[in-house]
Amino acid sequence: MYYITKRLEIAGSHSLNLNYPSKCSRLHGHNWIITVHCRAAELDENGMVTDFSRIKEQVEEYLDHKNFNELFTFNPTAENIARWICDQVPNCYRVDVQESEGNIAAYERD
């Protein structure tokens, strides 16, 4: 099995739709650190699991300096963003989304 990891740093804002009072319901921003993990039993015709630049294009270029509420129809929690990223990147099996120091959400495909 082959593995790659791509770490991205982006800026983005969101407000959360919560069923309890929280300051996170107001628009606020984070300097997000996103770690994308991909794997493949066989390399593609270029000798890669997934091209690092393709991950950057699909994730960083789409999300960086954006309001996530304007991009997504779902509640843009770190958990939901991790799953969305995993669904976008070929051969991705895990995504870690750090929205602030000490607050990390992960999604891992079964």
PDB file of N, CA and C in Angstrom:
ATOM      1  N   MET A   1       0.860  -1.181   0.000  1.00  0.00           N
ATOM      2  CA  MET A   1       0.000   0.000   0.000  1.00  0.00           C
ATOM      3  C   MET A   1       0.899   1.235   0.000  1.00  0.00           C
ATOM      4  N   TYR A   2       0.519   2.218  -0.802  1.00  0.00           N
ATOM      5  CA  TYR A   2       1.222   3.496  -0.871  1.00  0.00           C
ATOM      6  C   TYR A   2       0.396   4.545  -0.141  1.00  0.00           C
ATOM      7  N   TYR A   3       1.077   5.474   0.532  1.00  0.00           N
ATOM      8  CA  TYR A   3       0.408   6.532   1.293  1.00  0.00           C
ATOM      9  C   TYR A   3       1.038   7.876   0.981  1.00  0.00           C
ATOM     10  N   ILE A   4       0.214   8.911   0.936  1.00  0.00           N
ATOM     11  CA  ILE A   4       0.704  10.282   0.875  1.00  0.00           C
ATOM     12  C   ILE A   4      -0.093  11.122   1.867  1.00  0.00           C
ATOM     13  N   THR A   5       0.508  12.227   2.285  1.00  0.00           N
ATOM     14  CA  THR A   5      -0.148  13.181   3.173  1.00  0.00           C
ATOM     15  C   THR A   5       0.130  14.577   2.652  1.00  0.00           C
ATOM     16  N   LYS A   6      -0.899  15.388   2.564  1.00  0.00           N
ATOM     17  CA  LYS A   6      -0.774  16.790   2.138  1.00  0.00           C
ATOM     18  C   LYS A   6      -1.324  17.665   3.241  1.00  0.00           C
ATOM     19  N   ARG A   7      -0.521  18.628   3.700  1.00  0.00           N
ATOM     20  CA  ARG A   7      -0.927  19.566   4.746  1.00  0.00           C
ATOM     21  C   ARG A   7      -1.141  20.930   4.105  1.00  0.00           C
ATOM     22  N   LEU A   8      -2.289  21.512   4.385  1.00  0.00           N
ATOM     23  CA  LEU A   8      -2.655  22.810   3.826  1.00  0.00           C
ATOM     24  C   LEU A   8      -2.986  23.779   4.947  1.00  0.00           C
ATOM     25  N   GLU A   9      -2.672  25.033   4.768  1.00  0.00           N
ATOM     26  CA  GLU A   9      -3.061  26.076   5.708  1.00  0.00           C
ATOM     27  C   GLU A   9      -3.885  27.098   4.952  1.00  0.00           C
ATOM     28  N   ILE A  10      -5.110  27.316   5.428  1.00  0.00           N
ATOM     29  CA  ILE A  10      -5.999  28.253   4.766  1.00  0.00           C
ATOM     30  C   ILE A  10      -6.650  29.166   5.797  1.00  0.00           C
ATOM     31  N   ALA A  11      -7.177  30.265   5.322  1.00  0.00           N
ATOM     32  CA  ALA A  11      -7.988  31.155   6.151  1.00  0.00           C
ATOM     33  C   ALA A  11      -9.418  31.029   5.662  1.00  0.00           C
ATOM     34  N   GLY A  12     -10.357  30.977   6.586  1.00  0.00           N
ATOM     35  CA  GLY A  12     -11.753  30.872   6.195  1.00  0.00           C
ATOM     36  C   GLY A  12     -12.657  31.212   7.357  1.00  0.00           C
ATOM     37  N   SER A  13     -13.869  31.628   7.018  1.00  0.00           N
ATOM     38  CA  SER A  13     -14.837  31.990   8.048  1.00  0.00           C
ATOM     39  C   SER A  13     -16.063  31.097   7.959  1.00  0.00           C
ATOM     40  N   HIS A  14     -16.792  31.057   9.061  1.00  0.00           N
ATOM     41  CA  HIS A  14     -18.059  30.333   9.097  1.00  0.00           C
ATOM     42  C   HIS A  14     -18.848  30.789  10.313  1.00  0.00           C
ATOM     43  N   SER A  15     -20.113  30.475  10.292  1.00  0.00           N
ATOM     44  CA  SER A  15     -20.968  30.592  11.475  1.00  0.00           C
ATOM     45  C   SER A  15     -21.710  29.265  11.562  1.00  0.00           C
ATOM     46  N   LEU A  16     -21.924  28.804  12.779  1.00  0.00           N
ATOM     47  CA  LEU A  16     -22.527  27.490  12.956  1.00  0.00           C
ATOM     48  C   LEU A  16     -23.993  27.605  13.351  1.00  0.00           C
ATOM     49  N   ASN A  17     -24.791  26.722  12.801  1.00  0.00           N
ATOM     50  CA  ASN A  17     -26.207  26.630  13.135  1.00  0.00           C
ATOM     51  C   ASN A  17     -26.325  25.591  14.246  1.00  0.00           C
ATOM     52  N   LEU A  18     -26.475  26.063  15.481  1.00  0.00           N
ATOM     53  CA  LEU A  18     -26.472  25.183  16.641  1.00  0.00           C
ATOM     54  C   LEU A  18     -27.810  25.235  17.375  1.00  0.00           C
ATOM     55  N   ASN A  19     -28.131  24.176  18.109  1.00  0.00           N
ATOM     56  CA  ASN A  19     -29.391  24.138  18.859  1.00  0.00           C
ATOM     57  C   ASN A  19     -29.187  24.581  20.310  1.00  0.00           C
ATOM     58  N   TYR A  20     -28.137  25.333  20.566  1.00  0.00           N
ATOM     59  CA  TYR A  20     -27.856  25.901  21.891  1.00  0.00           C
ATOM     60  C   TYR A  20     -27.138  27.234  21.679  1.00  0.00           C
ATOM     61  N   PRO A  21     -27.209  28.138  22.651  1.00  0.00           N
ATOM     62  CA  PRO A  21     -26.540  29.436  22.507  1.00  0.00           C
ATOM     63  C   PRO A  21     -25.021  29.259  22.459  1.00  0.00           C
ATOM     64  N   SER A  22     -24.386  29.932  21.511  1.00  0.00           N
ATOM     65  CA  SER A  22     -22.934  29.842  21.368  1.00  0.00           C
ATOM     66  C   SER A  22     -22.430  31.031  20.575  1.00  0.00           C
ATOM     67  N   LYS A  23     -21.262  31.536  20.952  1.00  0.00           N
ATOM     68  CA  LYS A  23     -20.661  32.617  20.179  1.00  0.00           C
ATOM     69  C   LYS A  23     -20.269  32.137  18.784  1.00  0.00           C
ATOM     70  N   CYS A  24     -20.173  30.829  18.589  1.00  0.00           N
ATOM     71  CA  CYS A  24     -19.838  30.280  17.274  1.00  0.00           C
ATOM     72  C   CYS A  24     -20.989  30.414  16.277  1.00  0.00           C
ATOM     73  N   SER A  25     -22.156  30.824  16.755  1.00  0.00           N
ATOM     74  CA  SER A  25     -23.281  31.081  15.858  1.00  0.00           C
ATOM     75  C   SER A  25     -23.096  32.386  15.095  1.00  0.00           C
ATOM     76  N   ARG A  26     -22.170  33.213  15.568  1.00  0.00           N
ATOM     77  CA  ARG A  26     -21.842  34.454  14.860  1.00  0.00           C
ATOM     78  C   ARG A  26     -20.702  34.166  13.874  1.00  0.00           C
ATOM     79  N   LEU A  27     -20.679  34.929  12.796  1.00  0.00           N
ATOM     80  CA  LEU A  27     -19.620  34.770  11.797  1.00  0.00           C
ATOM     81  C   LEU A  27     -18.258  35.019  12.451  1.00  0.00           C
ATOM     82  N   HIS A  28     -17.334  34.105  12.249  1.00  0.00           N
ATOM     83  CA  HIS A  28     -15.983  34.223  12.776  1.00  0.00           C
ATOM     84  C   HIS A  28     -15.033  33.446  11.870  1.00  0.00           C
ATOM     85  N   GLY A  29     -13.742  33.706  12.016  1.00  0.00           N
ATOM     86  CA  GLY A  29     -12.772  33.065  11.148  1.00  0.00           C
ATOM     87  C   GLY A  29     -11.741  32.266  11.899  1.00  0.00           C
ATOM     88  N   HIS A  30     -11.061  31.420  11.139  1.00  0.00           N
ATOM     89  CA  HIS A  30      -9.975  30.591  11.674  1.00  0.00           C
ATOM     90  C   HIS A  30      -8.856  30.543  10.644  1.00  0.00           C
ATOM     91  N   ASN A  31      -7.671  30.257  11.127  1.00  0.00           N
ATOM     92  CA  ASN A  31      -6.574  29.841  10.264  1.00  0.00           C
ATOM     93  C   ASN A  31      -6.540  28.322  10.363  1.00  0.00           C
ATOM     94  N   TRP A  32      -7.175  27.677   9.400  1.00  0.00           N
ATOM     95  CA  TRP A  32      -7.386  26.245   9.397  1.00  0.00           C
ATOM     96  C   TRP A  32      -6.127  25.513   8.944  1.00  0.00           C
ATOM     97  N   ILE A  33      -5.852  24.388   9.571  1.00  0.00           N
ATOM     98  CA  ILE A  33      -4.809  23.477   9.099  1.00  0.00           C
ATOM     99  C   ILE A  33      -5.511  22.182   8.717  1.00  0.00           C
ATOM    100  N   ILE A  34      -5.377  21.826   7.470  1.00  0.00           N
ATOM    101  CA  ILE A  34      -6.066  20.656   6.927  1.00  0.00           C
ATOM    102  C   ILE A  34      -5.019  19.648   6.478  1.00  0.00           C
ATOM    103  N   THR A  35      -5.166  18.422   6.951  1.00  0.00           N
ATOM    104  CA  THR A  35      -4.243  17.356   6.565  1.00  0.00           C
ATOM    105  C   THR A  35      -5.044  16.287   5.838  1.00  0.00           C
ATOM    106  N   VAL A  36      -4.658  16.038   4.598  1.00  0.00           N
ATOM    107  CA  VAL A  36      -5.354  15.094   3.725  1.00  0.00           C
ATOM    108  C   VAL A  36      -4.479  13.851   3.583  1.00  0.00           C
ATOM    109  N   HIS A  37      -5.059  12.694   3.861  1.00  0.00           N
ATOM    110  CA  HIS A  37      -4.344  11.414   3.776  1.00  0.00           C
ATOM    111  C   HIS A  37      -4.955  10.591   2.636  1.00  0.00           C
ATOM    112  N   CYS A  38      -4.099  10.113   1.746  1.00  0.00           N
ATOM    113  CA  CYS A  38      -4.560   9.287   0.625  1.00  0.00           C
ATOM    114  C   CYS A  38      -3.754   7.995   0.588  1.00  0.00           C
ATOM    115  N   ARG A  39      -4.361   6.965  -0.005  1.00  0.00           N
ATOM    116  CA  ARG A  39      -3.662   5.687  -0.140  1.00  0.00           C
ATOM    117  C   ARG A  39      -4.144   4.981  -1.405  1.00  0.00           C
ATOM    118  N   ALA A  40      -3.290   4.101  -1.900  1.00  0.00           N
ATOM    119  CA  ALA A  40      -3.643   3.296  -3.070  1.00  0.00           C
ATOM    120  C   ALA A  40      -2.782   2.044  -3.084  1.00  0.00           C
ATOM    121  N   ALA A  41      -3.370   0.956  -3.482  1.00  0.00           N
ATOM    122  CA  ALA A  41      -2.629  -0.297  -3.602  1.00  0.00           C
ATOM    123  C   ALA A  41      -1.692  -0.253  -4.800  1.00  0.00           C
ATOM    124  N   GLU A  42      -2.106   0.473  -5.824  1.00  0.00           N
ATOM    125  CA  GLU A  42      -1.312   0.615  -7.051  1.00  0.00           C
ATOM    126  C   GLU A  42      -1.166   2.093  -7.376  1.00  0.00           C
ATOM    127  N   LEU A  43      -0.025   2.465  -7.917  1.00  0.00           N
ATOM    128  CA  LEU A  43       0.181   3.845  -8.349  1.00  0.00           C
ATOM    129  C   LEU A  43      -0.484   4.066  -9.696  1.00  0.00           C
ATOM    130  N   ASP A  44      -0.854   5.322  -9.965  1.00  0.00           N
ATOM    131  CA  ASP A  44      -1.472   5.633 -11.255  1.00  0.00           C
ATOM    132  C   ASP A  44      -0.414   5.646 -12.364  1.00  0.00           C
ATOM    133  N   GLU A  45      -0.808   5.964 -13.569  1.00  0.00           N
ATOM    134  CA  GLU A  45       0.092   5.932 -14.723  1.00  0.00           C
ATOM    135  C   GLU A  45       1.248   6.922 -14.595  1.00  0.00           C
ATOM    136  N   ASN A  46       1.124   7.883 -13.670  1.00  0.00           N
ATOM    137  CA  ASN A  46       2.191   8.850 -13.428  1.00  0.00           C
ATOM    138  C   ASN A  46       3.075   8.459 -12.248  1.00  0.00           C
ATOM    139  N   GLY A  47       2.804   7.311 -11.646  1.00  0.00           N
ATOM    140  CA  GLY A  47       3.586   6.859 -10.506  1.00  0.00           C
ATOM    141  C   GLY A  47       3.188   7.528  -9.207  1.00  0.00           C
ATOM    142  N   MET A  48       1.910   7.958  -9.107  1.00  0.00           N
ATOM    143  CA  MET A  48       1.433   8.680  -7.932  1.00  0.00           C
ATOM    144  C   MET A  48       0.204   8.016  -7.324  1.00  0.00           C
ATOM    145  N   VAL A  49       0.002   8.266  -6.030  1.00  0.00           N
ATOM    146  CA  VAL A  49      -1.261   7.920  -5.379  1.00  0.00           C
ATOM    147  C   VAL A  49      -2.299   8.947  -5.820  1.00  0.00           C
ATOM    148  N   THR A  50      -2.028  10.200  -5.551  1.00  0.00           N
ATOM    149  CA  THR A  50      -2.815  11.358  -5.980  1.00  0.00           C
ATOM    150  C   THR A  50      -1.842  12.518  -6.091  1.00  0.00           C
ATOM    151  N   ASP A  51      -1.949  13.304  -7.131  1.00  0.00           N
ATOM    152  CA  ASP A  51      -1.043  14.432  -7.335  1.00  0.00           C
ATOM    153  C   ASP A  51      -1.245  15.469  -6.228  1.00  0.00           C
ATOM    154  N   PHE A  52      -0.159  15.862  -5.548  1.00  0.00           N
ATOM    155  CA  PHE A  52      -0.244  16.861  -4.483  1.00  0.00           C
ATOM    156  C   PHE A  52      -0.882  18.161  -4.984  1.00  0.00           C
ATOM    157  N   SER A  53      -0.553  18.552  -6.215  1.00  0.00           N
ATOM    158  CA  SER A  53      -1.111  19.810  -6.746  1.00  0.00           C
ATOM    159  C   SER A  53      -2.612  19.695  -6.980  1.00  0.00           C
ATOM    160  N   ARG A  54      -3.103  18.502  -7.268  1.00  0.00           N
ATOM    161  CA  ARG A  54      -4.549  18.305  -7.434  1.00  0.00           C
ATOM    162  C   ARG A  54      -5.271  18.467  -6.099  1.00  0.00           C
ATOM    163  N   ILE A  55      -4.660  17.981  -5.025  1.00  0.00           N
ATOM    164  CA  ILE A  55      -5.250  18.159  -3.693  1.00  0.00           C
ATOM    165  C   ILE A  55      -5.317  19.645  -3.371  1.00  0.00           C
ATOM    166  N   LYS A  56      -4.227  20.362  -3.625  1.00  0.00           N
ATOM    167  CA  LYS A  56      -4.199  21.801  -3.361  1.00  0.00           C
ATOM    168  C   LYS A  56      -5.292  22.508  -4.154  1.00  0.00           C
ATOM    169  N   GLU A  57      -5.425  22.142  -5.410  1.00  0.00           N
ATOM    170  CA  GLU A  57      -6.433  22.771  -6.276  1.00  0.00           C
ATOM    171  C   GLU A  57      -7.846  22.496  -5.761  1.00  0.00           C
ATOM    172  N   GLN A  58      -8.132  21.266  -5.397  1.00  0.00           N
ATOM    173  CA  GLN A  58      -9.480  20.893  -4.990  1.00  0.00           C
ATOM    174  C   GLN A  58      -9.857  21.400  -3.610  1.00  0.00           C
ATOM    175  N   VAL A  59      -8.882  21.616  -2.756  1.00  0.00           N
ATOM    176  CA  VAL A  59      -9.181  22.000  -1.376  1.00  0.00           C
ATOM    177  C   VAL A  59      -8.815  23.460  -1.127  1.00  0.00           C
ATOM    178  N   GLU A  60      -7.528  23.773  -1.184  1.00  0.00           N
ATOM    179  CA  GLU A  60      -7.076  25.119  -0.833  1.00  0.00           C
ATOM    180  C   GLU A  60      -7.664  26.187  -1.748  1.00  0.00           C
ATOM    181  N   GLU A  61      -7.603  25.960  -3.035  1.00  0.00           N
ATOM    182  CA  GLU A  61      -8.087  26.983  -3.965  1.00  0.00           C
ATOM    183  C   GLU A  61      -9.597  27.184  -3.857  1.00  0.00           C
ATOM    184  N   TYR A  62     -10.323  26.162  -3.434  1.00  0.00           N
ATOM    185  CA  TYR A  62     -11.771  26.286  -3.281  1.00  0.00           C
ATOM    186  C   TYR A  62     -12.145  26.960  -1.965  1.00  0.00           C
ATOM    187  N   LEU A  63     -11.415  26.656  -0.885  1.00  0.00           N
ATOM    188  CA  LEU A  63     -11.808  27.120   0.443  1.00  0.00           C
ATOM    189  C   LEU A  63     -11.098  28.381   0.928  1.00  0.00           C
ATOM    190  N   ASP A  64      -9.880  28.641   0.487  1.00  0.00           N
ATOM    191  CA  ASP A  64      -9.055  29.687   1.087  1.00  0.00           C
ATOM    192  C   ASP A  64      -9.669  31.079   0.939  1.00  0.00           C
ATOM    193  N   HIS A  65      -9.731  31.776   2.064  1.00  0.00           N
ATOM    194  CA  HIS A  65     -10.257  33.142   2.172  1.00  0.00           C
ATOM    195  C   HIS A  65     -11.712  33.233   1.715  1.00  0.00           C
ATOM    196  N   LYS A  66     -12.499  32.225   2.098  1.00  0.00           N
ATOM    197  CA  LYS A  66     -13.916  32.199   1.739  1.00  0.00           C
ATOM    198  C   LYS A  66     -14.771  32.076   2.999  1.00  0.00           C
ATOM    199  N   ASN A  67     -16.038  32.424   2.848  1.00  0.00           N
ATOM    200  CA  ASN A  67     -17.046  32.196   3.883  1.00  0.00           C
ATOM    201  C   ASN A  67     -17.660  30.829   3.583  1.00  0.00           C
ATOM    202  N   PHE A  68     -17.415  29.866   4.437  1.00  0.00           N
ATOM    203  CA  PHE A  68     -17.862  28.494   4.181  1.00  0.00           C
ATOM    204  C   PHE A  68     -19.377  28.374   4.120  1.00  0.00           C
ATOM    205  N   ASN A  69     -20.087  29.255   4.791  1.00  0.00           N
ATOM    206  CA  ASN A  69     -21.550  29.219   4.730  1.00  0.00           C
ATOM    207  C   ASN A  69     -22.052  29.533   3.328  1.00  0.00           C
ATOM    208  N   GLU A  70     -21.281  30.280   2.563  1.00  0.00           N
ATOM    209  CA  GLU A  70     -21.662  30.607   1.188  1.00  0.00           C
ATOM    210  C   GLU A  70     -21.295  29.490   0.217  1.00  0.00           C
ATOM    211  N   LEU A  71     -20.408  28.582   0.634  1.00  0.00           N
ATOM    212  CA  LEU A  71     -19.956  27.495  -0.241  1.00  0.00           C
ATOM    213  C   LEU A  71     -20.770  26.217  -0.087  1.00  0.00           C
ATOM    214  N   PHE A  72     -21.275  25.985   1.123  1.00  0.00           N
ATOM    215  CA  PHE A  72     -21.878  24.695   1.429  1.00  0.00           C
ATOM    216  C   PHE A  72     -23.348  24.827   1.812  1.00  0.00           C
ATOM    217  N   THR A  73     -24.098  23.770   1.565  1.00  0.00           N
ATOM    218  CA  THR A  73     -25.496  23.716   1.994  1.00  0.00           C
ATOM    219  C   THR A  73     -25.611  23.072   3.371  1.00  0.00           C
ATOM    220  N   PHE A  74     -24.532  22.476   3.876  1.00  0.00           N
ATOM    221  CA  PHE A  74     -24.539  21.848   5.190  1.00  0.00           C
ATOM    222  C   PHE A  74     -23.966  22.797   6.242  1.00  0.00           C
ATOM    223  N   ASN A  75     -24.197  22.475   7.505  1.00  0.00           N
ATOM    224  CA  ASN A  75     -23.642  23.242   8.619  1.00  0.00           C
ATOM    225  C   ASN A  75     -22.114  23.062   8.592  1.00  0.00           C
ATOM    226  N   PRO A  76     -21.334  24.139   8.384  1.00  0.00           N
ATOM    227  CA  PRO A  76     -19.899  23.992   8.149  1.00  0.00           C
ATOM    228  C   PRO A  76     -19.064  23.789   9.417  1.00  0.00           C
ATOM    229  N   THR A  77     -19.378  22.727  10.150  1.00  0.00           N
ATOM    230  CA  THR A  77     -18.557  22.340  11.289  1.00  0.00           C
ATOM    231  C   THR A  77     -17.253  21.739  10.761  1.00  0.00           C
ATOM    232  N   ALA A  78     -16.252  21.673  11.603  1.00  0.00           N
ATOM    233  CA  ALA A  78     -14.984  21.060  11.199  1.00  0.00           C
ATOM    234  C   ALA A  78     -15.199  19.607  10.774  1.00  0.00           C
ATOM    235  N   GLU A  79     -16.103  18.911  11.459  1.00  0.00           N
ATOM    236  CA  GLU A  79     -16.389  17.509  11.130  1.00  0.00           C
ATOM    237  C   GLU A  79     -16.987  17.384   9.725  1.00  0.00           C
ATOM    238  N   ASN A  80     -17.962  18.228   9.423  1.00  0.00           N
ATOM    239  CA  ASN A  80     -18.599  18.174   8.102  1.00  0.00           C
ATOM    240  C   ASN A  80     -17.642  18.598   6.996  1.00  0.00           C
ATOM    241  N   ILE A  81     -16.788  19.560   7.277  1.00  0.00           N
ATOM    242  CA  ILE A  81     -15.798  19.995   6.289  1.00  0.00           C
ATOM    243  C   ILE A  81     -14.807  18.868   6.023  1.00  0.00           C
ATOM    244  N   ALA A  82     -14.392  18.151   7.063  1.00  0.00           N
ATOM    245  CA  ALA A  82     -13.474  17.027   6.883  1.00  0.00           C
ATOM    246  C   ALA A  82     -14.077  15.972   5.955  1.00  0.00           C
ATOM    247  N   ARG A  83     -15.341  15.668   6.144  1.00  0.00           N
ATOM    248  CA  ARG A  83     -15.978  14.661   5.280  1.00  0.00           C
ATOM    249  C   ARG A  83     -16.089  15.170   3.846  1.00  0.00           C
ATOM    250  N   TRP A  84     -16.460  16.441   3.681  1.00  0.00           N
ATOM    251  CA  TRP A  84     -16.574  17.010   2.339  1.00  0.00           C
ATOM    252  C   TRP A  84     -15.244  16.919   1.603  1.00  0.00           C
ATOM    253  N   ILE A  85     -14.161  17.276   2.282  1.00  0.00           N
ATOM    254  CA  ILE A  85     -12.834  17.209   1.656  1.00  0.00           C
ATOM    255  C   ILE A  85     -12.512  15.775   1.252  1.00  0.00           C
ATOM    256  N   CYS A  86     -12.777  14.831   2.127  1.00  0.00           N
ATOM    257  CA  CYS A  86     -12.502  13.426   1.832  1.00  0.00           C
ATOM    258  C   CYS A  86     -13.243  12.977   0.566  1.00  0.00           C
ATOM    259  N   ASP A  87     -14.448  13.469   0.389  1.00  0.00           N
ATOM    260  CA  ASP A  87     -15.248  13.110  -0.783  1.00  0.00           C
ATOM    261  C   ASP A  87     -14.732  13.756  -2.070  1.00  0.00           C
ATOM    262  N   GLN A  88     -13.950  14.823  -1.968  1.00  0.00           N
ATOM    263  CA  GLN A  88     -13.477  15.556  -3.148  1.00  0.00           C
ATOM    264  C   GLN A  88     -12.180  15.005  -3.722  1.00  0.00           C
ATOM    265  N   VAL A  89     -11.356  14.408  -2.875  1.00  0.00           N
ATOM    266  CA  VAL A  89      -9.993  14.048  -3.263  1.00  0.00           C
ATOM    267  C   VAL A  89      -9.893  12.557  -3.602  1.00  0.00           C
ATOM    268  N   PRO A  90      -9.395  12.232  -4.787  1.00  0.00           N
ATOM    269  CA  PRO A  90      -9.237  10.823  -5.151  1.00  0.00           C
ATOM    270  C   PRO A  90      -8.317  10.079  -4.184  1.00  0.00           C
ATOM    271  N   ASN A  91      -8.712   8.874  -3.828  1.00  0.00           N
ATOM    272  CA  ASN A  91      -7.948   7.982  -2.952  1.00  0.00           C
ATOM    273  C   ASN A  91      -7.828   8.470  -1.513  1.00  0.00           C
ATOM    274  N   CYS A  92      -8.595   9.487  -1.146  1.00  0.00           N
ATOM    275  CA  CYS A  92      -8.547  10.005   0.219  1.00  0.00           C
ATOM    276  C   CYS A  92      -9.287   9.048   1.152  1.00  0.00           C
ATOM    277  N   TYR A  93      -8.670   8.778   2.290  1.00  0.00           N
ATOM    278  CA  TYR A  93      -9.326   7.924   3.282  1.00  0.00           C
ATOM    279  C   TYR A  93      -9.455   8.613   4.640  1.00  0.00           C
ATOM    280  N   ARG A  94      -8.715   9.723   4.851  1.00  0.00           N
ATOM    281  CA  ARG A  94      -8.784  10.430   6.128  1.00  0.00           C
ATOM    282  C   ARG A  94      -8.458  11.899   5.920  1.00  0.00           C
ATOM    283  N   VAL A  95      -9.180  12.742   6.666  1.00  0.00           N
ATOM    284  CA  VAL A  95      -8.906  14.181   6.675  1.00  0.00           C
ATOM    285  C   VAL A  95      -8.964  14.657   8.113  1.00  0.00           C
ATOM    286  N   ASP A  96      -7.949  15.439   8.502  1.00  0.00           N
ATOM    287  CA  ASP A  96      -7.920  16.096   9.804  1.00  0.00           C
ATOM    288  C   ASP A  96      -8.089  17.590   9.561  1.00  0.00           C
ATOM    289  N   VAL A  97      -9.011  18.207  10.288  1.00  0.00           N
ATOM    290  CA  VAL A  97      -9.275  19.631  10.154  1.00  0.00           C
ATOM    291  C   VAL A  97      -9.060  20.280  11.519  1.00  0.00           C
ATOM    292  N   GLN A  98      -8.060  21.137  11.588  1.00  0.00           N
ATOM    293  CA  GLN A  98      -7.771  21.876  12.820  1.00  0.00           C
ATOM    294  C   GLN A  98      -8.239  23.305  12.620  1.00  0.00           C
ATOM    295  N   GLU A  99      -9.227  23.706  13.418  1.00  0.00           N
ATOM    296  CA  GLU A  99      -9.740  25.065  13.277  1.00  0.00           C
ATOM    297  C   GLU A  99      -9.061  26.030  14.234  1.00  0.00           C
ATOM    298  N   SER A 100      -8.458  25.520  15.288  1.00  0.00           N
ATOM    299  CA  SER A 100      -7.681  26.337  16.211  1.00  0.00           C
ATOM    300  C   SER A 100      -6.798  25.398  17.024  1.00  0.00           C
ATOM    301  N   GLU A 101      -5.855  25.962  17.726  1.00  0.00           N
ATOM    302  CA  GLU A 101      -4.948  25.143  18.534  1.00  0.00           C
ATOM    303  C   GLU A 101      -5.748  24.293  19.522  1.00  0.00           C
ATOM    304  N   GLY A 102      -5.561  22.993  19.448  1.00  0.00           N
ATOM    305  CA  GLY A 102      -6.235  22.085  20.356  1.00  0.00           C
ATOM    306  C   GLY A 102      -7.604  21.617  19.909  1.00  0.00           C
ATOM    307  N   ASN A 103      -8.138  22.147  18.803  1.00  0.00           N
ATOM    308  CA  ASN A 103      -9.467  21.742  18.303  1.00  0.00           C
ATOM    309  C   ASN A 103      -9.305  21.114  16.915  1.00  0.00           C
ATOM    310  N   ILE A 104      -9.346  19.794  16.885  1.00  0.00           N
ATOM    311  CA  ILE A 104      -9.158  19.062  15.649  1.00  0.00           C
ATOM    312  C   ILE A 104     -10.290  18.068  15.462  1.00  0.00           C
ATOM    313  N   ALA A 105     -10.850  18.056  14.260  1.00  0.00           N
ATOM    314  CA  ALA A 105     -11.860  17.067  13.894  1.00  0.00           C
ATOM    315  C   ALA A 105     -11.276  16.186  12.794  1.00  0.00           C
ATOM    316  N   ALA A 106     -11.654  14.921  12.793  1.00  0.00           N
ATOM    317  CA  ALA A 106     -11.159  13.992  11.774  1.00  0.00           C
ATOM    318  C   ALA A 106     -12.332  13.225  11.187  1.00  0.00           C
ATOM    319  N   TYR A 107     -12.186  12.912   9.911  1.00  0.00           N
ATOM    320  CA  TYR A 107     -13.118  12.012   9.242  1.00  0.00           C
ATOM    321  C   TYR A 107     -12.278  10.927   8.587  1.00  0.00           C
ATOM    322  N   GLU A 108     -12.658   9.675   8.811  1.00  0.00           N
ATOM    323  CA  GLU A 108     -11.957   8.558   8.193  1.00  0.00           C
ATOM    324  C   GLU A 108     -12.972   7.636   7.549  1.00  0.00           C
ATOM    325  N   ARG A 109     -12.744   7.380   6.271  1.00  0.00           N
ATOM    326  CA  ARG A 109     -13.617   6.484   5.514  1.00  0.00           C
ATOM    327  C   ARG A 109     -13.371   5.050   5.966  1.00  0.00           C
ATOM    328  N   ASP A 110     -14.435   4.277   6.121  1.00  0.00           N
ATOM    329  CA  ASP A 110     -14.302   2.870   6.534  1.00  0.00           C
ATOM    330  C   ASP A 110     -13.616   2.058   5.459  1.00  0.00           C
TER     331      ASP A 110
END
